[in-house]
C-alpha atoms as a PDB file:
ATOM      1  CA  UNK A   1      76.730 -29.023 -70.621  1.00  0.00           C
ATOM      2  CA  UNK A   2      74.041 -27.281 -68.621  1.00  0.00           C
ATOM      3  CA  UNK A   3      76.627 -25.312 -66.651  1.00  0.00           C
ATOM      4  CA  UNK A   4      78.253 -24.107 -69.905  1.00  0.00           C
ATOM      5  CA  UNK A   5      74.897 -22.923 -71.275  1.00  0.00           C
ATOM      6  CA  UNK A   6      74.098 -21.123 -68.024  1.00  0.00           C
ATOM      7  CA  UNK A   7      77.565 -19.546 -67.979  1.00  0.00           C
ATOM      8  CA  UNK A   8      77.114 -18.399 -71.595  1.00  0.00           C
ATOM      9  CA  UNK A   9      73.738 -16.847 -70.791  1.00  0.00           C
ATOM     10  CA  UNK A  10      75.189 -15.069 -67.735  1.00  0.00           C
ATOM     11  CA  UNK A  11      78.077 -13.698 -69.809  1.00  0.00           C
ATOM     12  CA  UNK A  12      75.680 -12.462 -72.506  1.00  0.00           C
ATOM     13  CA  UNK A  13      73.448 -10.872 -69.850  1.00  0.00           C
ATOM     14  CA  UNK A  14      76.464  -9.162 -68.267  1.00  0.00           C
ATOM     15  CA  UNK A  15      77.675  -7.826 -71.613  1.00  0.00           C
ATOM     16  CA  UNK A  16      74.152  -6.592 -72.423  1.00  0.00           C
ATOM     17  CA  UNK A  17      73.977  -4.790 -69.039  1.00  0.00           C
ATOM     18  CA  UNK A  18      77.341  -3.121 -69.625  1.00  0.00           C
ATOM     19  CA  UNK A  19      76.278  -1.969 -73.107  1.00  0.00           C
ATOM     20  CA  UNK A  20      72.934  -0.700 -71.775  1.00  0.00           C
ATOM     21  CA  UNK A  21      74.583   1.252 -68.952  1.00  0.00           C
ATOM     22  CA  UNK A  22      77.169   2.674 -71.356  1.00  0.00           C
ATOM     23  CA  UNK A  23      74.470   3.862 -73.760  1.00  0.00           C
ATOM     24  CA  UNK A  24      72.511   5.454 -70.901  1.00  0.00           C
ATOM     25  CA  UNK A  25      75.596   7.272 -69.644  1.00  0.00           C
ATOM     26  CA  UNK A  26      76.295   8.584 -73.151  1.00  0.00           C
ATOM     27  CA  UNK A  27      72.703   9.796 -73.437  1.00  0.00           C
ATOM     28  CA  UNK A  28      72.948  11.674 -70.123  1.00  0.00           C
ATOM     29  CA  UNK A  29      76.274  13.195 -71.131  1.00  0.00           C
ATOM     30  CA  UNK A  30      74.863  14.281 -74.498  1.00  0.00           C
ATOM     31  CA  UNK A  31      71.823  15.761 -72.748  1.00  0.00           C
ATOM     32  CA  UNK A  32      74.091  17.922 -70.586  1.00  0.00           C
ATOM     33  CA  UNK A  33      76.113  18.934 -73.643  1.00  0.00           C
ATOM     34  CA  UNK A  34      72.917  19.949 -75.448  1.00  0.00           C
ATOM     35  CA  UNK A  35      71.810  22.087 -72.497  1.00  0.00           C
ATOM     36  CA  UNK A  36      75.213  23.775 -72.357  1.00  0.00           C
ATOM     37  CA  UNK A  37      75.187  24.455 -76.101  1.00  0.00           C
ATOM     38  CA  UNK A  38      71.667  25.877 -75.947  1.00  0.00           C
ATOM     39  CA  UNK A  39      72.791  28.234 -73.183  1.00  0.00           C
ATOM     40  CA  UNK A  40      75.766  29.367 -75.249  1.00  0.00           C
ATOM     41  CA  UNK A  41      73.473  29.808 -78.271  1.00  0.00           C
ATOM     42  CA  UNK A  42      71.201  32.083 -76.246  1.00  0.00           C
ATOM     43  CA  UNK A  43      74.160  34.181 -75.093  1.00  0.00           C
ATOM     44  CA  UNK A  44      75.525  34.425 -78.635  1.00  0.00           C
ATOM     45  CA  UNK A  45      72.105  35.420 -80.025  1.00  0.00           C
ATOM     46  CA  UNK A  46      71.885  38.262 -77.477  1.00  0.00           C
ATOM     47  CA  UNK A  47      75.413  39.340 -78.378  1.00  0.00           C
ATOM     48  CA  UNK A  48      74.525  39.261 -82.091  1.00  0.00           C
ATOM     49  CA  UNK A  49      71.449  41.428 -81.469  1.00  0.00           C
ATOM     50  CA  UNK A  50      73.561  43.948 -79.527  1.00  0.00           C
ATOM     51  CA  UNK A  51      76.109  44.017 -82.343  1.00  0.00           C
ATOM     52  CA  UNK A  52      73.353  44.551 -84.921  1.00  0.00           C
ATOM     53  CA  UNK A  53      72.064  47.526 -82.913  1.00  0.00           C
ATOM     54  CA  UNK A  54      75.597  48.920 -82.640  1.00  0.00           C
ATOM     55  CA  UNK A  55      76.140  48.454 -86.387  1.00  0.00           C
ATOM     56  CA  UNK A  56      72.940  50.281 -87.218  1.00  0.00           C
ATOM     57  CA  UNK A  57      73.987  53.113 -84.877  1.00  0.00           C
ATOM     58  CA  UNK A  58      77.419  53.389 -86.460  1.00  0.00           C
ATOM     59  CA  UNK A  59      76.130  53.324 -90.041  1.00  0.00           C
ATOM     60  CA  UNK A  60      73.350  55.873 -89.470  1.00  0.00           C
ATOM     61  CA  UNK A  61      74.128  58.886 -91.700  1.00  0.00           C
ATOM     62  CA  UNK A  62      72.999  61.347 -89.026  1.00  0.00           C
ATOM     63  CA  UNK A  63      75.287  59.738 -86.454  1.00  0.00           C
ATOM     64  CA  UNK A  64      78.189  59.808 -88.916  1.00  0.00           C
ATOM     65  CA  UNK A  65      77.610  63.490 -89.621  1.00  0.00           C
ATOM     66  CA  UNK A  66      77.355  64.309 -85.903  1.00  0.00           C
ATOM     67  CA  UNK A  67      80.567  62.426 -85.068  1.00  0.00           C
ATOM     68  CA  UNK A  68      82.362  64.067 -88.010  1.00  0.00           C
ATOM     69  CA  UNK A  69      81.427  67.490 -86.651  1.00  0.00           C
ATOM     70  CA  UNK A  70      81.991  66.739 -82.945  1.00  0.00           C
ATOM     71  CA  UNK A  71      85.070  64.527 -82.996  1.00  0.00           C
ATOM     72  CA  UNK A  72      86.825  65.517 -86.233  1.00  0.00           C
ATOM     73  CA  UNK A  73      85.650  69.153 -86.418  1.00  0.00           C
ATOM     74  CA  UNK A  74      84.573  68.657 -90.033  1.00  0.00           C
ATOM     75  CA  UNK A  75      82.039  71.079 -91.464  1.00  0.00           C
ATOM     76  CA  UNK A  76      79.694  70.956 -94.440  1.00  0.00           C
ATOM     77  CA  UNK A  77      81.281  72.853 -97.340  1.00  0.00           C
ATOM     78  CA  UNK A  78      79.668  76.164 -98.217  1.00  0.00           C
ATOM     79  CA  UNK A  79      78.579  77.155-101.699  1.00  0.00           C
ATOM     80  CA  UNK A  80      81.592  78.142-103.760  1.00  0.00           C
ATOM     81  CA  UNK A  81      83.973  76.244-101.487  1.00  0.00           C
ATOM     82  CA  UNK A  82      83.980  73.130-103.690  1.00  0.00           C
ATOM     83  CA  UNK A  83      85.884  73.426-106.963  1.00  0.00           C
ATOM     84  CA  UNK A  84      85.125  70.910-109.708  1.00  0.00           C
ATOM     85  CA  UNK A  85      88.140  69.989-111.836  1.00  0.00           C
ATOM     86  CA  UNK A  86      87.720  68.548-115.302  1.00  0.00           C
ATOM     87  CA  UNK A  87      90.379  66.117-116.515  1.00  0.00           C
ATOM     88  CA  UNK A  88      89.809  67.244-120.088  1.00  0.00           C
ATOM     89  CA  UNK A  89      91.248  70.693-119.320  1.00  0.00           C
ATOM     90  CA  UNK A  90      93.473  72.872-121.493  1.00  0.00           C
ATOM     91  CA  UNK A  91      96.928  71.205-121.924  1.00  0.00           C
ATOM     92  CA  UNK A  92      98.684  74.571-121.592  1.00  0.00           C
ATOM     93  CA  UNK A  93      97.877  74.622-117.858  1.00  0.00           C
ATOM     94  CA  UNK A  94      99.667  71.309-117.364  1.00  0.00           C
ATOM     95  CA  UNK A  95     103.082  72.939-117.627  1.00  0.00           C
ATOM     96  CA  UNK A  96     103.097  73.662-113.906  1.00  0.00           C
ATOM     97  CA  UNK A  97     103.899  70.327-112.173  1.00  0.00           C
ATOM     98  CA  UNK A  98     102.382  71.439-108.856  1.00  0.00           C
ATOM     99  CA  UNK A  99      99.036  72.558-110.279  1.00  0.00           C
ATOM    100  CA  UNK A 100      95.945  70.805-108.858  1.00  0.00           C
ATOM    101  CA  UNK A 101      94.964  69.632-112.328  1.00  0.00           C
ATOM    102  CA  UNK A 102      98.333  67.915-112.769  1.00  0.00           C
ATOM    103  CA  UNK A 103      98.005  66.221-109.368  1.00  0.00           C
ATOM    104  CA  UNK A 104      94.472  65.032-110.121  1.00  0.00           C
ATOM    105  CA  UNK A 105      95.524  63.690-113.509  1.00  0.00           C
ATOM    106  CA  UNK A 106      98.494  61.839-111.941  1.00  0.00           C
ATOM    107  CA  UNK A 107      96.247  60.336-109.307  1.00  0.00           C
ATOM    108  CA  UNK A 108      93.620  59.169-111.802  1.00  0.00           C
ATOM    109  CA  UNK A 109      96.309  57.711-114.077  1.00  0.00           C
ATOM    110  CA  UNK A 110      97.797  55.784-111.149  1.00  0.00           C
ATOM    111  CA  UNK A 111      94.347  54.368-110.291  1.00  0.00           C
ATOM    112  CA  UNK A 112      93.928  53.144-113.870  1.00  0.00           C
ATOM    113  CA  UNK A 113      97.236  51.287-113.641  1.00  0.00           C
ATOM    114  CA  UNK A 114      96.174  49.271-110.556  1.00  0.00           C
ATOM    115  CA  UNK A 115      95.267  45.593-111.069  1.00  0.00           C
END
């Protein structure tokens, strides 16, 4: 009877040791995972900051205007160069199918028909 009790205690002690060692190994592994994730977080935060700076550069109106002039050769329209077209114009001018008024009216009508 005494041998059975001693054997039972030894088995319980062995199981407890295995559980304890397993928990400790998991804690060490999780500690390494946390360190790795914190390192990745730092890298991603730096990348996000760089992207925010780049976004602010690209959305700056002065930068947009400069790139439009330098890369696309666009210029600011001069006075008298812009013609305003009213959609409520005289219907007699609509007879010509290639007139700018007809094209603008077609375009605005097609936009109204979109879902």
